[in-house]
Amino acid sequence: MSQKKPLVQAVGDKKFTLMELVPKNGVIPEIQARVYIGSGDRDTIDHVKQRIGYPDLTHGANLELPYILEACVRHQEERFVKFFNEAHSITTRLHMLELLPGIGKKLMWSIIDEHKKGDFKSFQDIHERIPSLHDPAKVLAHRIEEELKDDFIKYRLFTTPPRRQRPA
């Protein structure tokens, strides 16, 4: 019998792609560690095994995912503040901001009105100007998690759609 190789479950920080990675022999990355998987010299990861879906995550990875997504959002604060500054209508009745959990018409209009006064500079600036939006990073992380959970979600703001299985 062959011994199972260790696997690392990871999420990409650009398009939040869920994947399984094979670490180099004898290397065990820390939980929530950022690892390089691009071309060139890799310290901890040997290769990317496959792209996975949300149901394929282990229980431990499921528990860690919200914290990791929030950390990714905070790490890329400039990108996500830009989202608040550039958000626009998707249809005549739906705005991008309304797709974020906890944001309805009333809060959407207060965000739009505050943005008209000037661009947002940071998450802290958003929170100070719109006190009812408590933690923008958590709201964004929650939306990203929703997009990862639902393969058939209609509007994707931050993630790539999952690969479709070919019919047998």
Protein backbone atom coordinates (compact mmCIF):
# COMPACT_ATOMS: atom_id res chain seq x y z
CA MET A 1 0.00 0.00 0.00
CA SER A 2 1.19 3.47 -0.80
CA GLN A 3 1.27 6.10 1.88
CA LYS A 4 -1.00 9.13 1.37
CA LYS A 5 0.78 12.37 0.59
CA PRO A 6 -0.07 15.40 2.72
CA LEU A 7 -2.30 18.00 1.11
CA VAL A 8 -2.77 21.68 1.80
CA GLN A 9 -6.10 23.34 1.11
CA ALA A 10 -5.69 26.94 0.06
CA VAL A 11 -7.55 29.93 -1.29
CA GLY A 12 -6.08 32.27 -3.90
CA ASP A 13 -5.88 35.91 -2.91
CA LYS A 14 -6.80 37.45 -6.29
CA LYS A 15 -9.91 35.53 -7.44
CA PHE A 16 -10.37 33.48 -4.25
CA THR A 17 -9.98 30.14 -6.03
CA LEU A 18 -10.12 27.13 -3.72
CA MET A 19 -7.40 24.56 -4.44
CA GLU A 20 -5.42 21.63 -3.11
CA LEU A 21 -1.65 21.98 -3.01
CA VAL A 22 1.06 19.37 -2.49
CA PRO A 23 3.78 20.61 -0.11
CA LYS A 24 7.45 19.82 -0.63
CA ASN A 25 8.76 16.75 1.19
CA GLY A 26 9.23 17.39 4.89
CA VAL A 27 7.63 20.85 4.78
CA ILE A 28 4.41 21.54 6.66
CA PRO A 29 3.10 25.08 6.16
CA GLU A 30 1.49 26.92 9.07
CA ILE A 31 -2.29 27.38 9.13
CA GLN A 32 -3.22 30.69 7.46
CA ALA A 33 0.30 31.07 6.04
CA ARG A 34 0.70 32.87 2.74
CA VAL A 35 2.58 30.66 0.28
CA TYR A 36 3.84 31.35 -3.22
CA ILE A 37 2.54 29.04 -5.97
CA GLY A 38 3.56 30.94 -9.11
CA SER A 39 6.30 29.97 -11.54
CA GLY A 40 9.86 30.00 -10.35
CA ASP A 41 11.31 28.96 -6.99
CA ARG A 42 8.75 27.90 -4.39
CA ASP A 43 9.72 27.52 -0.74
CA THR A 44 6.96 25.32 0.66
CA ILE A 45 4.69 24.12 -2.17
CA ASP A 46 5.73 21.51 -4.75
CA HIS A 47 2.73 21.86 -7.08
CA VAL A 48 -0.97 22.63 -7.32
CA LYS A 49 -2.87 19.34 -7.36
CA GLN A 50 -6.33 20.56 -8.38
CA ARG A 51 -8.98 23.21 -8.07
CA ILE A 52 -11.69 22.26 -5.58
CA GLY A 53 -15.17 23.41 -4.65
CA TYR A 54 -16.52 24.55 -1.29
CA PRO A 55 -18.03 21.11 -0.44
CA ASP A 56 -14.55 19.54 -0.84
CA LEU A 57 -13.09 21.56 2.05
CA THR A 58 -12.25 19.69 5.23
CA HIS A 59 -14.04 20.60 8.45
CA GLY A 60 -10.96 22.44 9.70
CA ALA A 61 -10.60 24.41 6.47
CA ASN A 62 -14.31 25.26 6.62
CA LEU A 63 -13.84 26.74 10.10
CA GLU A 64 -10.74 28.74 9.10
CA LEU A 65 -12.08 30.07 5.78
CA PRO A 66 -14.01 33.12 7.12
CA TYR A 67 -10.92 34.32 9.04
CA ILE A 68 -8.64 33.75 6.06
CA LEU A 69 -10.99 35.61 3.71
CA GLU A 70 -11.20 38.54 6.12
CA ALA A 71 -7.40 38.61 6.39
CA CYS A 72 -7.12 38.59 2.57
CA VAL A 73 -9.59 41.47 2.32
CA ARG A 74 -7.70 43.49 4.97
CA HIS A 75 -4.37 42.70 3.25
CA GLN A 76 -5.75 44.13 -0.02
CA GLU A 77 -7.58 47.07 1.54
CA GLU A 78 -6.83 49.41 -1.36
CA ARG A 79 -8.46 47.02 -3.88
CA PHE A 80 -11.64 46.67 -1.83
CA VAL A 81 -11.93 50.37 -0.96
CA LYS A 82 -11.73 50.91 -4.73
CA PHE A 83 -14.74 48.57 -5.02
CA PHE A 84 -16.78 50.89 -2.77
CA ASN A 85 -15.62 53.90 -4.82
CA GLU A 86 -16.39 52.34 -8.21
CA ALA A 87 -19.54 50.30 -7.43
CA HIS A 88 -22.32 50.88 -9.95
CA SER A 89 -25.75 49.65 -10.96
CA ILE A 90 -25.94 46.14 -12.39
CA THR A 91 -29.52 46.49 -13.60
CA THR A 92 -32.06 49.29 -13.37
CA ARG A 93 -33.23 47.87 -10.02
CA LEU A 94 -30.05 46.35 -8.57
CA HIS A 95 -26.79 47.98 -7.45
CA MET A 96 -23.51 46.16 -6.76
CA LEU A 97 -23.58 47.36 -3.15
CA GLU A 98 -26.93 45.62 -2.59
CA LEU A 99 -25.24 42.26 -3.23
CA LEU A 100 -23.22 42.71 -0.05
CA PRO A 101 -24.83 41.07 3.00
CA GLY A 102 -26.64 43.52 5.26
CA ILE A 103 -26.79 46.30 2.67
CA GLY A 104 -30.25 47.21 1.46
CA LYS A 105 -31.57 50.23 -0.42
CA LYS A 106 -31.32 52.63 2.54
CA LEU A 107 -27.70 51.81 3.41
CA MET A 108 -26.77 51.67 -0.29
CA TRP A 109 -28.03 55.24 -0.76
CA SER A 110 -26.13 56.49 2.29
CA ILE A 111 -22.92 54.92 0.87
CA ILE A 112 -23.57 56.52 -2.54
CA ASP A 113 -24.33 59.92 -0.95
CA GLU A 114 -21.13 59.80 1.13
CA HIS A 115 -19.13 58.79 -1.94
CA LYS A 116 -20.43 61.87 -3.77
CA LYS A 117 -18.74 64.01 -1.09
CA GLY A 118 -15.39 62.39 -1.95
CA ASP A 119 -13.71 59.05 -2.53
CA PHE A 120 -13.28 56.68 0.38
CA LYS A 121 -9.66 56.36 1.51
CA SER A 122 -9.74 53.28 3.78
CA PHE A 123 -12.04 50.91 5.65
CA GLN A 124 -11.69 53.23 8.66
CA ASP A 125 -12.82 56.17 6.51
CA ILE A 126 -15.84 54.17 5.28
CA HIS A 127 -16.77 53.26 8.86
CA GLU A 128 -16.40 56.86 10.10
CA ARG A 129 -18.50 58.30 7.26
CA ILE A 130 -21.13 55.53 7.36
CA PRO A 131 -21.42 54.44 11.02
CA SER A 132 -24.16 51.89 10.27
CA LEU A 133 -21.66 49.90 8.15
CA HIS A 134 -19.74 48.45 11.09
CA ASP A 135 -16.94 46.45 9.50
CA PRO A 136 -16.62 46.70 5.70
CA ALA A 137 -13.91 44.00 5.59
CA LYS A 138 -16.18 41.47 7.32
CA VAL A 139 -19.08 42.32 4.99
CA LEU A 140 -16.86 41.80 1.93
CA ALA A 141 -15.41 38.55 3.33
CA HIS A 142 -18.93 37.27 3.97
CA ARG A 143 -19.92 38.04 0.35
CA ILE A 144 -16.83 36.22 -0.94
CA GLU A 145 -17.73 33.19 1.19
CA GLU A 146 -21.30 33.25 -0.20
CA GLU A 147 -19.89 33.26 -3.74
CA LEU A 148 -17.65 30.30 -2.92
CA LYS A 149 -20.50 28.32 -1.33
CA ASP A 150 -23.02 28.77 -4.15
CA ASP A 151 -21.96 27.40 -7.55
CA PHE A 152 -25.05 28.86 -9.20
CA ILE A 153 -25.00 32.38 -7.75
CA LYS A 154 -26.13 34.85 -10.41
CA TYR A 155 -23.80 37.80 -9.81
CA ARG A 156 -20.15 37.22 -8.92
CA LEU A 157 -18.27 40.28 -7.69
CA PHE A 158 -15.00 38.76 -6.50
CA THR A 159 -14.70 35.06 -7.43
CA THR A 160 -14.43 33.05 -10.61
CA PRO A 161 -17.21 30.60 -11.45
CA PRO A 162 -16.42 26.96 -10.66
CA ARG A 163 -15.42 24.61 -13.44
CA ARG A 164 -18.46 22.84 -14.78
CA GLN A 165 -18.39 19.05 -14.72
CA ARG A 166 -18.73 17.51 -18.15
CA PRO A 167 -21.71 15.22 -18.55
CA ALA A 168 -20.72 11.55 -18.44
